[in-house]
Amino acid sequence: MGPPFGGNLTEHAYYSIRNRILSGDLHFGASLSRRALADELQISIVPVGDALQRLENEGLVESRPRVGTRVRIPTAMAVRGHYVVREALESQAARIFVEKASPTEREEIKRLATQLDVLYSMVAPETTSRDRLFEIHEFHMRFHMRVAQCTGCQELCQAIEKNQVLVFNWLYDSSLRNQQPPPNWHSELANVLVSGDPEEADKAMRRHTGYRMDEVMQRIDSVMTSQRTRPEVFIKQRKKSGEQRS
């Protein structure tokens, strides 16, 4: 879920830790030991510290006095805020896509949407492996990012990518086990995007980005309630042995 590391140890640490968070391998509140991560990745502690700082700046990690660094536990307010931002950014991307996308790009979006719907149709939330869910979520992000890239606006792409990491992969789907979307959910959006009507594309994207927001917020609330009603014990780093978390 990122570019090749190219020998950059900070990049290597950043993507390795981020992917573990986004896949649900490191859950809400999981403690993040710089030393343990450095040993696991077989690098020094300095690039790990730099990677954790970058992840904190992006909202995936948080540091608290007397607690240390941990995977961020989002609040309902934060969830709603990111959904609002996503709607604003992606509806604008939809409008520009209608105006600027080439015929080839329109066909690509339709193809990606069809592939994504097929992938989701094969998901069984209780039995599909976490790794497989992560692969599908990566493809989901690729679909939405491709719409943004076809606008030709780099600044819009950067803003959408940063927000998407939290909305798509802030453990909403992989950890909270949302059900798959309705049949042809993305194909229907793609059909509107290639229709040539900016207003309809705007409305379709707003419906799309707001899907199941209330359900997600309820699940986040349940996680927060669980955190408040028991001692603040954080999940320790899981070693490569594959030890199961409780």
C-alpha atoms as a PDB file:
ATOM      1  CA  MET A   1       0.000   0.000   0.000  1.00  0.00           C
ATOM      2  CA  GLY A   2       2.700   2.408  -0.940  1.00  0.00           C
ATOM      3  CA  PRO A   3       5.722   2.929  -3.146  1.00  0.00           C
ATOM      4  CA  PRO A   4       8.830   0.710  -3.060  1.00  0.00           C
ATOM      5  CA  PHE A   5      11.052   1.509  -0.119  1.00  0.00           C
ATOM      6  CA  GLY A   6      14.168   2.002  -2.227  1.00  0.00           C
ATOM      7  CA  GLY A   7      16.496   1.404   0.717  1.00  0.00           C
ATOM      8  CA  ASN A   8      14.966   4.175   2.830  1.00  0.00           C
ATOM      9  CA  LEU A   9      14.636   2.667   6.316  1.00  0.00           C
ATOM     10  CA  THR A  10      12.146   5.277   7.524  1.00  0.00           C
ATOM     11  CA  GLU A  11       9.889   4.532   4.554  1.00  0.00           C
ATOM     12  CA  HIS A  12      10.271   0.820   5.215  1.00  0.00           C
ATOM     13  CA  ALA A  13       9.283   1.261   8.865  1.00  0.00           C
ATOM     14  CA  TYR A  14       6.445   3.640   7.999  1.00  0.00           C
ATOM     15  CA  TYR A  15       4.728   1.347   5.492  1.00  0.00           C
ATOM     16  CA  SER A  16       5.350  -1.783   7.550  1.00  0.00           C
ATOM     17  CA  ILE A  17       3.742  -0.298  10.673  1.00  0.00           C
ATOM     18  CA  ARG A  18       0.982   1.439   8.733  1.00  0.00           C
ATOM     19  CA  ASN A  19      -0.016  -1.738   6.929  1.00  0.00           C
ATOM     20  CA  ARG A  20      -0.227  -3.601  10.230  1.00  0.00           C
ATOM     21  CA  ILE A  21      -2.534  -0.906  11.572  1.00  0.00           C
ATOM     22  CA  LEU A  22      -4.675  -0.700   8.467  1.00  0.00           C
ATOM     23  CA  SER A  23      -5.049  -4.466   8.181  1.00  0.00           C
ATOM     24  CA  GLY A  24      -6.198  -4.708  11.796  1.00  0.00           C
ATOM     25  CA  ASP A  25      -3.102  -6.614  12.917  1.00  0.00           C
ATOM     26  CA  LEU A  26      -2.547  -3.760  15.384  1.00  0.00           C
ATOM     27  CA  HIS A  27      -5.910  -2.859  16.904  1.00  0.00           C
ATOM     28  CA  PHE A  28      -7.299   0.284  18.519  1.00  0.00           C
ATOM     29  CA  GLY A  29      -5.153   1.134  21.515  1.00  0.00           C
ATOM     30  CA  ALA A  30      -2.337  -1.299  20.705  1.00  0.00           C
ATOM     31  CA  SER A  31       0.884  -0.111  22.322  1.00  0.00           C
ATOM     32  CA  LEU A  32       3.767   0.632  19.973  1.00  0.00           C
ATOM     33  CA  SER A  33       7.234   0.051  21.389  1.00  0.00           C
ATOM     34  CA  ARG A  34       9.982   1.629  19.330  1.00  0.00           C
ATOM     35  CA  ARG A  35      12.479  -0.974  20.513  1.00  0.00           C
ATOM     36  CA  ALA A  36      10.182  -3.940  19.799  1.00  0.00           C
ATOM     37  CA  LEU A  37       9.335  -2.605  16.349  1.00  0.00           C
ATOM     38  CA  ALA A  38      12.993  -1.965  15.557  1.00  0.00           C
ATOM     39  CA  ASP A  39      13.901  -5.511  16.594  1.00  0.00           C
ATOM     40  CA  GLU A  40      11.050  -6.966  14.549  1.00  0.00           C
ATOM     41  CA  LEU A  41      11.986  -4.964  11.439  1.00  0.00           C
ATOM     42  CA  GLN A  42      15.705  -5.538  12.052  1.00  0.00           C
ATOM     43  CA  ILE A  43      16.564  -1.849  11.831  1.00  0.00           C
ATOM     44  CA  SER A  44      17.674   0.815  14.296  1.00  0.00           C
ATOM     45  CA  ILE A  45      15.297   2.685  16.577  1.00  0.00           C
ATOM     46  CA  VAL A  46      15.792   6.055  14.814  1.00  0.00           C
ATOM     47  CA  PRO A  47      13.845   5.321  11.589  1.00  0.00           C
ATOM     48  CA  VAL A  48      11.125   3.647  13.652  1.00  0.00           C
ATOM     49  CA  GLY A  49      10.763   6.812  15.728  1.00  0.00           C
ATOM     50  CA  ASP A  50      10.589   8.927  12.565  1.00  0.00           C
ATOM     51  CA  ALA A  51       7.957   6.588  11.100  1.00  0.00           C
ATOM     52  CA  LEU A  52       5.821   6.745  14.255  1.00  0.00           C
ATOM     53  CA  GLN A  53       5.991  10.542  14.222  1.00  0.00           C
ATOM     54  CA  ARG A  54       4.765  10.568  10.633  1.00  0.00           C
ATOM     55  CA  LEU A  55       1.933   8.186  11.523  1.00  0.00           C
ATOM     56  CA  GLU A  56       0.991  10.429  14.440  1.00  0.00           C
ATOM     57  CA  ASN A  57       0.889  13.453  12.147  1.00  0.00           C
ATOM     58  CA  GLU A  58      -1.476  11.505   9.876  1.00  0.00           C
ATOM     59  CA  GLY A  59      -3.799  10.550  12.717  1.00  0.00           C
ATOM     60  CA  LEU A  60      -3.193   6.806  12.893  1.00  0.00           C
ATOM     61  CA  VAL A  61      -1.060   6.917  16.032  1.00  0.00           C
ATOM     62  CA  GLU A  62      -1.229   8.959  19.237  1.00  0.00           C
ATOM     63  CA  SER A  63       1.147   9.609  22.149  1.00  0.00           C
ATOM     64  CA  ARG A  64      -0.107  10.163  25.679  1.00  0.00           C
ATOM     65  CA  PRO A  65       1.716  10.987  28.933  1.00  0.00           C
ATOM     66  CA  ARG A  66       2.400   7.916  31.124  1.00  0.00           C
ATOM     67  CA  VAL A  67       0.945   5.697  28.405  1.00  0.00           C
ATOM     68  CA  GLY A  68       3.330   6.080  25.504  1.00  0.00           C
ATOM     69  CA  THR A  69       2.605   5.622  21.820  1.00  0.00           C
ATOM     70  CA  ARG A  70      -0.373   3.565  20.696  1.00  0.00           C
ATOM     71  CA  VAL A  71      -2.680   3.044  17.757  1.00  0.00           C
ATOM     72  CA  ARG A  72      -5.155   5.889  17.856  1.00  0.00           C
ATOM     73  CA  ILE A  73      -8.639   5.243  19.211  1.00  0.00           C
ATOM     74  CA  PRO A  74     -10.935   7.487  17.123  1.00  0.00           C
ATOM     75  CA  THR A  75     -13.825   9.355  18.676  1.00  0.00           C
ATOM     76  CA  ALA A  76     -17.291   9.547  17.129  1.00  0.00           C
ATOM     77  CA  MET A  77     -16.672  13.248  16.477  1.00  0.00           C
ATOM     78  CA  ALA A  78     -13.486  12.459  14.570  1.00  0.00           C
ATOM     79  CA  VAL A  79     -15.283   9.812  12.519  1.00  0.00           C
ATOM     80  CA  ARG A  80     -18.058  12.201  11.562  1.00  0.00           C
ATOM     81  CA  GLY A  81     -15.549  14.927  10.739  1.00  0.00           C
ATOM     82  CA  HIS A  82     -13.628  12.729   8.336  1.00  0.00           C
ATOM     83  CA  TYR A  83     -16.828  11.607   6.641  1.00  0.00           C
ATOM     84  CA  VAL A  84     -17.753  15.266   6.124  1.00  0.00           C
ATOM     85  CA  VAL A  85     -14.328  15.981   4.637  1.00  0.00           C
ATOM     86  CA  ARG A  86     -14.515  12.898   2.442  1.00  0.00           C
ATOM     87  CA  GLU A  87     -17.893  13.933   1.055  1.00  0.00           C
ATOM     88  CA  ALA A  88     -16.641  17.425   0.232  1.00  0.00           C
ATOM     89  CA  LEU A  89     -13.427  16.280  -1.428  1.00  0.00           C
ATOM     90  CA  GLU A  90     -14.764  13.328  -3.396  1.00  0.00           C
ATOM     91  CA  SER A  91     -17.918  15.043  -4.622  1.00  0.00           C
ATOM     92  CA  GLN A  92     -15.685  17.762  -6.053  1.00  0.00           C
ATOM     93  CA  ALA A  93     -13.487  15.088  -7.631  1.00  0.00           C
ATOM     94  CA  ALA A  94     -16.615  13.537  -9.175  1.00  0.00           C
ATOM     95  CA  ARG A  95     -17.621  16.837 -10.766  1.00  0.00           C
ATOM     96  CA  ILE A  96     -14.161  17.448 -12.227  1.00  0.00           C
ATOM     97  CA  PHE A  97     -13.920  13.838 -13.408  1.00  0.00           C
ATOM     98  CA  VAL A  98     -17.069  14.318 -15.490  1.00  0.00           C
ATOM     99  CA  GLU A  99     -15.568  17.408 -17.100  1.00  0.00           C
ATOM    100  CA  LYS A 100     -12.001  16.221 -17.703  1.00  0.00           C
ATOM    101  CA  ALA A 101     -11.769  12.426 -17.847  1.00  0.00           C
ATOM    102  CA  SER A 102     -10.787  10.961 -21.210  1.00  0.00           C
ATOM    103  CA  PRO A 103     -12.748   8.120 -22.840  1.00  0.00           C
ATOM    104  CA  THR A 104      -9.976   5.724 -21.835  1.00  0.00           C
ATOM    105  CA  GLU A 105     -10.135   6.871 -18.220  1.00  0.00           C
ATOM    106  CA  ARG A 106     -13.915   6.497 -18.163  1.00  0.00           C
ATOM    107  CA  GLU A 107     -13.630   2.917 -19.360  1.00  0.00           C
ATOM    108  CA  GLU A 108     -10.943   2.267 -16.749  1.00  0.00           C
ATOM    109  CA  ILE A 109     -13.202   3.515 -13.945  1.00  0.00           C
ATOM    110  CA  LYS A 110     -16.043   1.295 -15.131  1.00  0.00           C
ATOM    111  CA  ARG A 111     -13.697  -1.688 -15.261  1.00  0.00           C
ATOM    112  CA  LEU A 112     -12.276  -1.052 -11.797  1.00  0.00           C
ATOM    113  CA  ALA A 113     -15.781  -0.627 -10.381  1.00  0.00           C
ATOM    114  CA  THR A 114     -16.903  -3.946 -11.822  1.00  0.00           C
ATOM    115  CA  GLN A 115     -13.826  -5.708 -10.441  1.00  0.00           C
ATOM    116  CA  LEU A 116     -14.385  -4.162  -7.018  1.00  0.00           C
ATOM    117  CA  ASP A 117     -18.023  -5.263  -6.927  1.00  0.00           C
ATOM    118  CA  VAL A 118     -16.984  -8.808  -7.821  1.00  0.00           C
ATOM    119  CA  LEU A 119     -14.412  -8.829  -5.017  1.00  0.00           C
ATOM    120  CA  TYR A 120     -16.959  -7.624  -2.474  1.00  0.00           C
ATOM    121  CA  SER A 121     -19.520 -10.180  -3.662  1.00  0.00           C
ATOM    122  CA  MET A 122     -17.143 -12.940  -2.592  1.00  0.00           C
ATOM    123  CA  VAL A 123     -16.616 -11.576   0.937  1.00  0.00           C
ATOM    124  CA  ALA A 124     -18.038 -13.475   3.892  1.00  0.00           C
ATOM    125  CA  PRO A 125     -17.343 -11.103   6.823  1.00  0.00           C
ATOM    126  CA  GLU A 126     -17.081 -13.837   9.437  1.00  0.00           C
ATOM    127  CA  THR A 127     -14.823 -16.173   7.457  1.00  0.00           C
ATOM    128  CA  THR A 128     -12.812 -14.065   5.001  1.00  0.00           C
ATOM    129  CA  SER A 129      -9.243 -13.712   6.232  1.00  0.00           C
ATOM    130  CA  ARG A 130      -7.986 -10.372   7.467  1.00  0.00           C
ATOM    131  CA  ASP A 131      -5.279 -10.381   4.796  1.00  0.00           C
ATOM    132  CA  ARG A 132      -7.867 -10.893   2.062  1.00  0.00           C
ATOM    133  CA  LEU A 133     -10.051  -8.098   3.452  1.00  0.00           C
ATOM    134  CA  PHE A 134      -7.015  -5.835   3.470  1.00  0.00           C
ATOM    135  CA  GLU A 135      -6.329  -6.596  -0.192  1.00  0.00           C
ATOM    136  CA  ILE A 136      -9.913  -5.678  -1.086  1.00  0.00           C
ATOM    137  CA  HIS A 137      -9.739  -2.460   0.926  1.00  0.00           C
ATOM    138  CA  GLU A 138      -6.537  -1.549  -0.898  1.00  0.00           C
ATOM    139  CA  PHE A 139      -8.328  -2.078  -4.213  1.00  0.00           C
ATOM    140  CA  HIS A 140     -11.245   0.007  -2.897  1.00  0.00           C
ATOM    141  CA  MET A 141      -8.888   2.852  -2.127  1.00  0.00           C
ATOM    142  CA  ARG A 142      -7.257   2.466  -5.539  1.00  0.00           C
ATOM    143  CA  PHE A 143     -10.648   2.867  -7.241  1.00  0.00           C
ATOM    144  CA  HIS A 144     -11.483   6.111  -5.437  1.00  0.00           C
ATOM    145  CA  MET A 145      -7.963   7.455  -5.855  1.00  0.00           C
ATOM    146  CA  ARG A 146      -8.124   6.764  -9.587  1.00  0.00           C
ATOM    147  CA  VAL A 147     -11.231   8.939  -9.865  1.00  0.00           C
ATOM    148  CA  ALA A 148      -9.303  11.718  -8.129  1.00  0.00           C
ATOM    149  CA  GLN A 149      -6.197  11.230 -10.281  1.00  0.00           C
ATOM    150  CA  CYS A 150      -8.256  11.638 -13.445  1.00  0.00           C
ATOM    151  CA  THR A 151      -9.079  15.204 -12.372  1.00  0.00           C
ATOM    152  CA  GLY A 152      -5.458  16.196 -12.939  1.00  0.00           C
ATOM    153  CA  CYS A 153      -5.416  18.132  -9.645  1.00  0.00           C
ATOM    154  CA  GLN A 154      -2.481  16.937  -7.542  1.00  0.00           C
ATOM    155  CA  GLU A 155      -3.494  18.919  -4.468  1.00  0.00           C
ATOM    156  CA  LEU A 156      -6.965  17.369  -4.505  1.00  0.00           C
ATOM    157  CA  CYS A 157      -5.434  13.894  -4.855  1.00  0.00           C
ATOM    158  CA  GLN A 158      -3.157  14.443  -1.884  1.00  0.00           C
ATOM    159  CA  ALA A 159      -5.997  15.663   0.319  1.00  0.00           C
ATOM    160  CA  ILE A 160      -8.227  12.740  -0.659  1.00  0.00           C
ATOM    161  CA  GLU A 161      -5.489  10.163  -0.112  1.00  0.00           C
ATOM    162  CA  LYS A 162      -4.715  11.422   3.390  1.00  0.00           C
ATOM    163  CA  ASN A 163      -8.375  11.408   4.377  1.00  0.00           C
ATOM    164  CA  GLN A 164      -9.063   8.050   2.744  1.00  0.00           C
ATOM    165  CA  VAL A 165      -6.469   6.299   4.856  1.00  0.00           C
ATOM    166  CA  LEU A 166      -8.527   7.180   7.908  1.00  0.00           C
ATOM    167  CA  VAL A 167     -12.021   6.721   6.481  1.00  0.00           C
ATOM    168  CA  PHE A 168     -11.424   3.483   4.560  1.00  0.00           C
ATOM    169  CA  ASN A 169      -8.781   1.865   6.668  1.00  0.00           C
ATOM    170  CA  TRP A 170      -9.084   3.302  10.156  1.00  0.00           C
ATOM    171  CA  LEU A 171     -10.086  -0.235  11.016  1.00  0.00           C
ATOM    172  CA  TYR A 172     -13.697   0.583  10.139  1.00  0.00           C
ATOM    173  CA  ASP A 173     -13.990  -2.393   7.796  1.00  0.00           C
ATOM    174  CA  SER A 174     -11.157  -4.750   8.674  1.00  0.00           C
ATOM    175  CA  SER A 175     -11.533  -4.565  12.460  1.00  0.00           C
ATOM    176  CA  LEU A 176     -15.204  -3.669  12.831  1.00  0.00           C
ATOM    177  CA  ARG A 177     -16.272  -6.192  10.203  1.00  0.00           C
ATOM    178  CA  ASN A 178     -18.781  -4.136   8.230  1.00  0.00           C
ATOM    179  CA  GLN A 179     -20.913  -6.091   5.803  1.00  0.00           C
ATOM    180  CA  GLN A 180     -20.118  -5.765   2.126  1.00  0.00           C
ATOM    181  CA  PRO A 181     -21.950  -3.033   0.181  1.00  0.00           C
ATOM    182  CA  PRO A 182     -25.061  -3.730  -1.933  1.00  0.00           C
ATOM    183  CA  PRO A 183     -24.619  -5.525  -5.287  1.00  0.00           C
ATOM    184  CA  ASN A 184     -23.175  -3.337  -8.072  1.00  0.00           C
ATOM    185  CA  TRP A 185     -22.600  -0.528  -5.569  1.00  0.00           C
ATOM    186  CA  HIS A 186     -19.486   0.778  -7.313  1.00  0.00           C
ATOM    187  CA  SER A 187     -20.628  -0.019 -10.840  1.00  0.00           C
ATOM    188  CA  GLU A 188     -23.690   2.151 -10.325  1.00  0.00           C
ATOM    189  CA  LEU A 189     -21.475   5.016  -9.159  1.00  0.00           C
ATOM    190  CA  ALA A 190     -19.162   4.559 -12.145  1.00  0.00           C
ATOM    191  CA  ASN A 191     -22.101   4.660 -14.550  1.00  0.00           C
ATOM    192  CA  VAL A 192     -23.114   8.053 -13.180  1.00  0.00           C
ATOM    193  CA  LEU A 193     -19.530   9.325 -13.290  1.00  0.00           C
ATOM    194  CA  VAL A 194     -19.240   8.545 -16.993  1.00  0.00           C
ATOM    195  CA  SER A 195     -22.700   9.880 -17.828  1.00  0.00           C
ATOM    196  CA  GLY A 196     -21.469  13.425 -18.457  1.00  0.00           C
ATOM    197  CA  ASP A 197     -23.668  15.195 -15.876  1.00  0.00           C
ATOM    198  CA  PRO A 198     -21.626  16.955 -13.131  1.00  0.00           C
ATOM    199  CA  GLU A 199     -24.665  17.555 -10.907  1.00  0.00           C
ATOM    200  CA  GLU A 200     -25.707  13.902 -10.969  1.00  0.00           C
ATOM    201  CA  ALA A 201     -22.103  12.803 -10.381  1.00  0.00           C
ATOM    202  CA  ASP A 202     -21.903  15.128  -7.376  1.00  0.00           C
ATOM    203  CA  LYS A 203     -25.109  13.731  -5.879  1.00  0.00           C
ATOM    204  CA  ALA A 204     -24.130  10.124  -6.553  1.00  0.00           C
ATOM    205  CA  MET A 205     -20.767  10.557  -4.866  1.00  0.00           C
ATOM    206  CA  ARG A 206     -22.364  12.218  -1.828  1.00  0.00           C
ATOM    207  CA  ARG A 207     -24.714   9.252  -1.437  1.00  0.00           C
ATOM    208  CA  HIS A 208     -21.800   6.893  -1.879  1.00  0.00           C
ATOM    209  CA  THR A 209     -19.480   8.514   0.642  1.00  0.00           C
ATOM    210  CA  GLY A 210     -22.194   8.793   3.315  1.00  0.00           C
ATOM    211  CA  TYR A 211     -23.072   5.115   3.149  1.00  0.00           C
ATOM    212  CA  ARG A 212     -23.215   3.453   6.587  1.00  0.00           C
ATOM    213  CA  MET A 213     -21.673   6.398   8.395  1.00  0.00           C
ATOM    214  CA  ASP A 214     -24.152   6.046  11.269  1.00  0.00           C
ATOM    215  CA  GLU A 215     -23.400   2.337  11.588  1.00  0.00           C
ATOM    216  CA  VAL A 216     -19.684   3.020  11.729  1.00  0.00           C
ATOM    217  CA  MET A 217     -20.190   5.669  14.410  1.00  0.00           C
ATOM    218  CA  GLN A 218     -22.266   3.279  16.522  1.00  0.00           C
ATOM    219  CA  ARG A 219     -19.526   0.678  16.336  1.00  0.00           C
ATOM    220  CA  ILE A 220     -16.876   3.226  17.222  1.00  0.00           C
ATOM    221  CA  ASP A 221     -19.025   4.251  20.220  1.00  0.00           C
ATOM    222  CA  SER A 222     -19.148   0.637  21.382  1.00  0.00           C
ATOM    223  CA  VAL A 223     -15.350   0.433  21.219  1.00  0.00           C
ATOM    224  CA  MET A 224     -15.036   3.668  23.189  1.00  0.00           C
ATOM    225  CA  THR A 225     -17.505   2.408  25.803  1.00  0.00           C
ATOM    226  CA  SER A 226     -15.483  -0.771  26.165  1.00  0.00           C
ATOM    227  CA  GLN A 227     -12.330   1.281  26.703  1.00  0.00           C
ATOM    228  CA  ARG A 228     -14.032   3.383  29.402  1.00  0.00           C
ATOM    229  CA  THR A 229     -15.542   0.492  31.344  1.00  0.00           C
ATOM    230  CA  ARG A 230     -12.371  -1.504  31.935  1.00  0.00           C
ATOM    231  CA  PRO A 231      -8.801  -0.648  32.990  1.00  0.00           C
ATOM    232  CA  GLU A 232      -6.706   0.912  30.272  1.00  0.00           C
ATOM    233  CA  VAL A 233      -4.781  -2.155  29.184  1.00  0.00           C
ATOM    234  CA  PHE A 234      -3.245  -1.998  25.774  1.00  0.00           C
ATOM    235  CA  ILE A 235      -2.563  -4.859  23.439  1.00  0.00           C
ATOM    236  CA  LYS A 236       1.142  -5.605  23.288  1.00  0.00           C
ATOM    237  CA  GLN A 237       3.053  -6.108  20.120  1.00  0.00           C
ATOM    238  CA  ARG A 238       2.440  -9.512  18.592  1.00  0.00           C
ATOM    239  CA  LYS A 239       5.603 -11.295  17.603  1.00  0.00           C
ATOM    240  CA  LYS A 240       6.046 -12.984  14.284  1.00  0.00           C
ATOM    241  CA  SER A 241       5.151 -16.287  15.912  1.00  0.00           C
ATOM    242  CA  GLY A 242       1.503 -15.474  15.154  1.00  0.00           C
ATOM    243  CA  GLU A 243       0.334 -15.412  18.773  1.00  0.00           C
ATOM    244  CA  GLN A 244      -3.428 -14.735  18.916  1.00  0.00           C
ATOM    245  CA  ARG A 245      -4.773 -11.543  20.478  1.00  0.00           C
ATOM    246  CA  SER A 246      -7.574 -11.736  22.977  1.00  0.00           C
END
